[in-house]
């Protein structure tokens, strides 16, 4: 039970990191488009 719980929280952290890095890339791309215009 404890093992599955820690595995679940690890997956949640992993997914959150992926989402954060993805949105960060989106923000950077948006800023770059703003700069060129």
PDB file of N, CA and C in Angstrom:
ATOM      1  N   UNK A   1       0.842  -1.203   0.000  1.00  0.00           N
ATOM      2  CA  UNK A   1       0.000   0.000   0.000  1.00  0.00           C
ATOM      3  C   UNK A   1       0.877   1.253   0.000  1.00  0.00           C
ATOM      4  N   UNK A   2       1.866   1.255   0.896  1.00  0.00           N
ATOM      5  CA  UNK A   2       2.753   2.419   0.978  1.00  0.00           C
ATOM      6  C   UNK A   2       3.540   2.583  -0.314  1.00  0.00           C
ATOM      7  N   UNK A   3       3.983   1.467  -0.880  1.00  0.00           N
ATOM      8  CA  UNK A   3       4.769   1.504  -2.112  1.00  0.00           C
ATOM      9  C   UNK A   3       3.949   2.113  -3.242  1.00  0.00           C
ATOM     10  N   UNK A   4       2.701   1.675  -3.384  1.00  0.00           N
ATOM     11  CA  UNK A   4       1.864   2.191  -4.470  1.00  0.00           C
ATOM     12  C   UNK A   4       1.591   3.684  -4.255  1.00  0.00           C
ATOM     13  N   UNK A   5       1.460   4.094  -2.991  1.00  0.00           N
ATOM     14  CA  UNK A   5       1.198   5.504  -2.709  1.00  0.00           C
ATOM     15  C   UNK A   5       2.404   6.363  -3.112  1.00  0.00           C
ATOM     16  N   UNK A   6       3.587   5.925  -2.753  1.00  0.00           N
ATOM     17  CA  UNK A   6       4.783   6.698  -3.110  1.00  0.00           C
ATOM     18  C   UNK A   6       4.973   6.703  -4.619  1.00  0.00           C
ATOM     19  N   UNK A   7       4.629   5.592  -5.267  1.00  0.00           N
ATOM     20  CA  UNK A   7       4.736   5.519  -6.731  1.00  0.00           C
ATOM     21  C   UNK A   7       3.758   6.496  -7.362  1.00  0.00           C
ATOM     22  N   UNK A   8       2.569   6.611  -6.783  1.00  0.00           N
ATOM     23  CA  UNK A   8       1.552   7.531  -7.301  1.00  0.00           C
ATOM     24  C   UNK A   8       2.025   8.975  -7.144  1.00  0.00           C
ATOM     25  N   UNK A   9       2.545   9.318  -5.984  1.00  0.00           N
ATOM     26  CA  UNK A   9       3.012  10.687  -5.759  1.00  0.00           C
ATOM     27  C   UNK A   9       4.202  10.993  -6.662  1.00  0.00           C
ATOM     28  N   UNK A  10       5.052   9.996  -6.912  1.00  0.00           N
ATOM     29  CA  UNK A  10       6.187  10.187  -7.817  1.00  0.00           C
ATOM     30  C   UNK A  10       5.681  10.477  -9.226  1.00  0.00           C
ATOM     31  N   UNK A  11       4.666   9.737  -9.662  1.00  0.00           N
ATOM     32  CA  UNK A  11       4.087   9.968 -10.986  1.00  0.00           C
ATOM     33  C   UNK A  11       3.466  11.353 -11.067  1.00  0.00           C
ATOM     34  N   UNK A  12       2.812  11.783  -9.995  1.00  0.00           N
ATOM     35  CA  UNK A  12       2.193  13.110  -9.984  1.00  0.00           C
ATOM     36  C   UNK A  12       3.263  14.191 -10.111  1.00  0.00           C
ATOM     37  N   UNK A  13       4.375  14.021  -9.408  1.00  0.00           N
ATOM     38  CA  UNK A  13       5.465  15.005  -9.504  1.00  0.00           C
ATOM     39  C   UNK A  13       6.024  15.027 -10.915  1.00  0.00           C
ATOM     40  N   UNK A  14       6.177  13.830 -11.501  1.00  0.00           N
ATOM     41  CA  UNK A  14       6.723  13.725 -12.855  1.00  0.00           C
ATOM     42  C   UNK A  14       5.812  14.432 -13.856  1.00  0.00           C
ATOM     43  N   UNK A  15       4.518  14.169 -13.753  1.00  0.00           N
ATOM     44  CA  UNK A  15       3.551  14.794 -14.664  1.00  0.00           C
ATOM     45  C   UNK A  15       3.550  16.305 -14.464  1.00  0.00           C
ATOM     46  N   UNK A  16       3.634  16.748 -13.202  1.00  0.00           N
ATOM     47  CA  UNK A  16       3.649  18.191 -12.931  1.00  0.00           C
ATOM     48  C   UNK A  16       4.888  18.825 -13.542  1.00  0.00           C
ATOM     49  N   UNK A  17       6.028  18.169 -13.420  1.00  0.00           N
ATOM     50  CA  UNK A  17       7.263  18.703 -14.007  1.00  0.00           C
ATOM     51  C   UNK A  17       7.139  18.808 -15.517  1.00  0.00           C
ATOM     52  N   UNK A  18       6.545  17.802 -16.148  1.00  0.00           N
ATOM     53  CA  UNK A  18       6.366  17.817 -17.607  1.00  0.00           C
ATOM     54  C   UNK A  18       5.461  18.981 -18.003  1.00  0.00           C
ATOM     55  N   UNK A  19       4.371  19.161 -17.275  1.00  0.00           N
ATOM     56  CA  UNK A  19       3.426  20.243 -17.587  1.00  0.00           C
ATOM     57  C   UNK A  19       4.096  21.593 -17.391  1.00  0.00           C
ATOM     58  N   UNK A  20       4.850  21.742 -16.301  1.00  0.00           N
ATOM     59  CA  UNK A  20       5.522  23.018 -16.020  1.00  0.00           C
ATOM     60  C   UNK A  20       6.545  23.336 -17.103  1.00  0.00           C
ATOM     61  N   UNK A  21       7.355  22.356 -17.479  1.00  0.00           N
ATOM     62  CA  UNK A  21       8.376  22.603 -18.502  1.00  0.00           C
ATOM     63  C   UNK A  21       7.717  22.889 -19.849  1.00  0.00           C
ATOM     64  N   UNK A  22       6.605  22.202 -20.132  1.00  0.00           N
ATOM     65  CA  UNK A  22       5.917  22.425 -21.401  1.00  0.00           C
ATOM     66  C   UNK A  22       5.352  23.839 -21.457  1.00  0.00           C
ATOM     67  N   UNK A  23       4.685  24.271 -20.379  1.00  0.00           N
ATOM     68  CA  UNK A  23       4.115  25.619 -20.357  1.00  0.00           C
ATOM     69  C   UNK A  23       5.228  26.658 -20.378  1.00  0.00           C
ATOM     70  N   UNK A  24       6.380  26.346 -19.780  1.00  0.00           N
ATOM     71  CA  UNK A  24       7.522  27.268 -19.803  1.00  0.00           C
ATOM     72  C   UNK A  24       8.008  27.460 -21.238  1.00  0.00           C
ATOM     73  N   UNK A  25       8.065  26.356 -21.994  1.00  0.00           N
ATOM     74  CA  UNK A  25       8.469  26.448 -23.401  1.00  0.00           C
ATOM     75  C   UNK A  25       7.458  27.278 -24.178  1.00  0.00           C
ATOM     76  N   UNK A  26       6.186  27.100 -23.887  1.00  0.00           N
ATOM     77  CA  UNK A  26       5.140  27.866 -24.565  1.00  0.00           C
ATOM     78  C   UNK A  26       5.311  29.356 -24.286  1.00  0.00           C
ATOM     79  N   UNK A  27       5.593  29.700 -23.034  1.00  0.00           N
ATOM     80  CA  UNK A  27       5.791  31.104 -22.654  1.00  0.00           C
ATOM     81  C   UNK A  27       7.009  31.674 -23.373  1.00  0.00           C
ATOM     82  N   UNK A  28       8.096  30.905 -23.419  1.00  0.00           N
ATOM     83  CA  UNK A  28       9.312  31.373 -24.098  1.00  0.00           C
ATOM     84  C   UNK A  28       9.043  31.595 -25.585  1.00  0.00           C
ATOM     85  N   UNK A  29       8.322  30.678 -26.208  1.00  0.00           N
ATOM     86  CA  UNK A  29       8.005  30.817 -27.627  1.00  0.00           C
ATOM     87  C   UNK A  29       7.136  32.054 -27.842  1.00  0.00           C
ATOM     88  N   UNK A  30       6.209  32.294 -26.944  1.00  0.00           N
ATOM     89  CA  UNK A  30       5.334  33.462 -27.051  1.00  0.00           C
ATOM     90  C   UNK A  30       6.152  34.746 -26.920  1.00  0.00           C
ATOM     91  N   UNK A  31       7.078  34.760 -25.967  1.00  0.00           N
ATOM     92  CA  UNK A  31       7.922  35.936 -25.768  1.00  0.00           C
ATOM     93  C   UNK A  31       8.781  36.174 -27.010  1.00  0.00           C
ATOM     94  N   UNK A  32       9.314  35.114 -27.594  1.00  0.00           N
ATOM     95  CA  UNK A  32      10.131  35.252 -28.796  1.00  0.00           C
ATOM     96  C   UNK A  32       9.316  35.826 -29.946  1.00  0.00           C
ATOM     97  N   UNK A  33       8.065  35.385 -30.089  1.00  0.00           N
ATOM     98  CA  UNK A  33       7.201  35.922 -31.136  1.00  0.00           C
ATOM     99  C   UNK A  33       6.935  37.401 -30.884  1.00  0.00           C
ATOM    100  N   UNK A  34       6.752  37.770 -29.623  1.00  0.00           N
ATOM    101  CA  UNK A  34       6.508  39.176 -29.284  1.00  0.00           C
ATOM    102  C   UNK A  34       7.729  40.024 -29.643  1.00  0.00           C
ATOM    103  N   UNK A  35       8.914  39.470 -29.385  1.00  0.00           N
ATOM    104  CA  UNK A  35      10.151  40.225 -29.652  1.00  0.00           C
ATOM    105  C   UNK A  35      10.333  40.474 -31.152  1.00  0.00           C
ATOM    106  N   UNK A  36      10.052  39.452 -31.969  1.00  0.00           N
ATOM    107  CA  UNK A  36      10.293  39.589 -33.402  1.00  0.00           C
ATOM    108  C   UNK A  36       9.281  40.553 -34.028  1.00  0.00           C
ATOM    109  N   UNK A  37       8.058  40.620 -33.481  1.00  0.00           N
ATOM    110  CA  UNK A  37       7.045  41.491 -34.091  1.00  0.00           C
ATOM    111  C   UNK A  37       7.346  42.940 -33.784  1.00  0.00           C
TER     112      UNK A  37
END
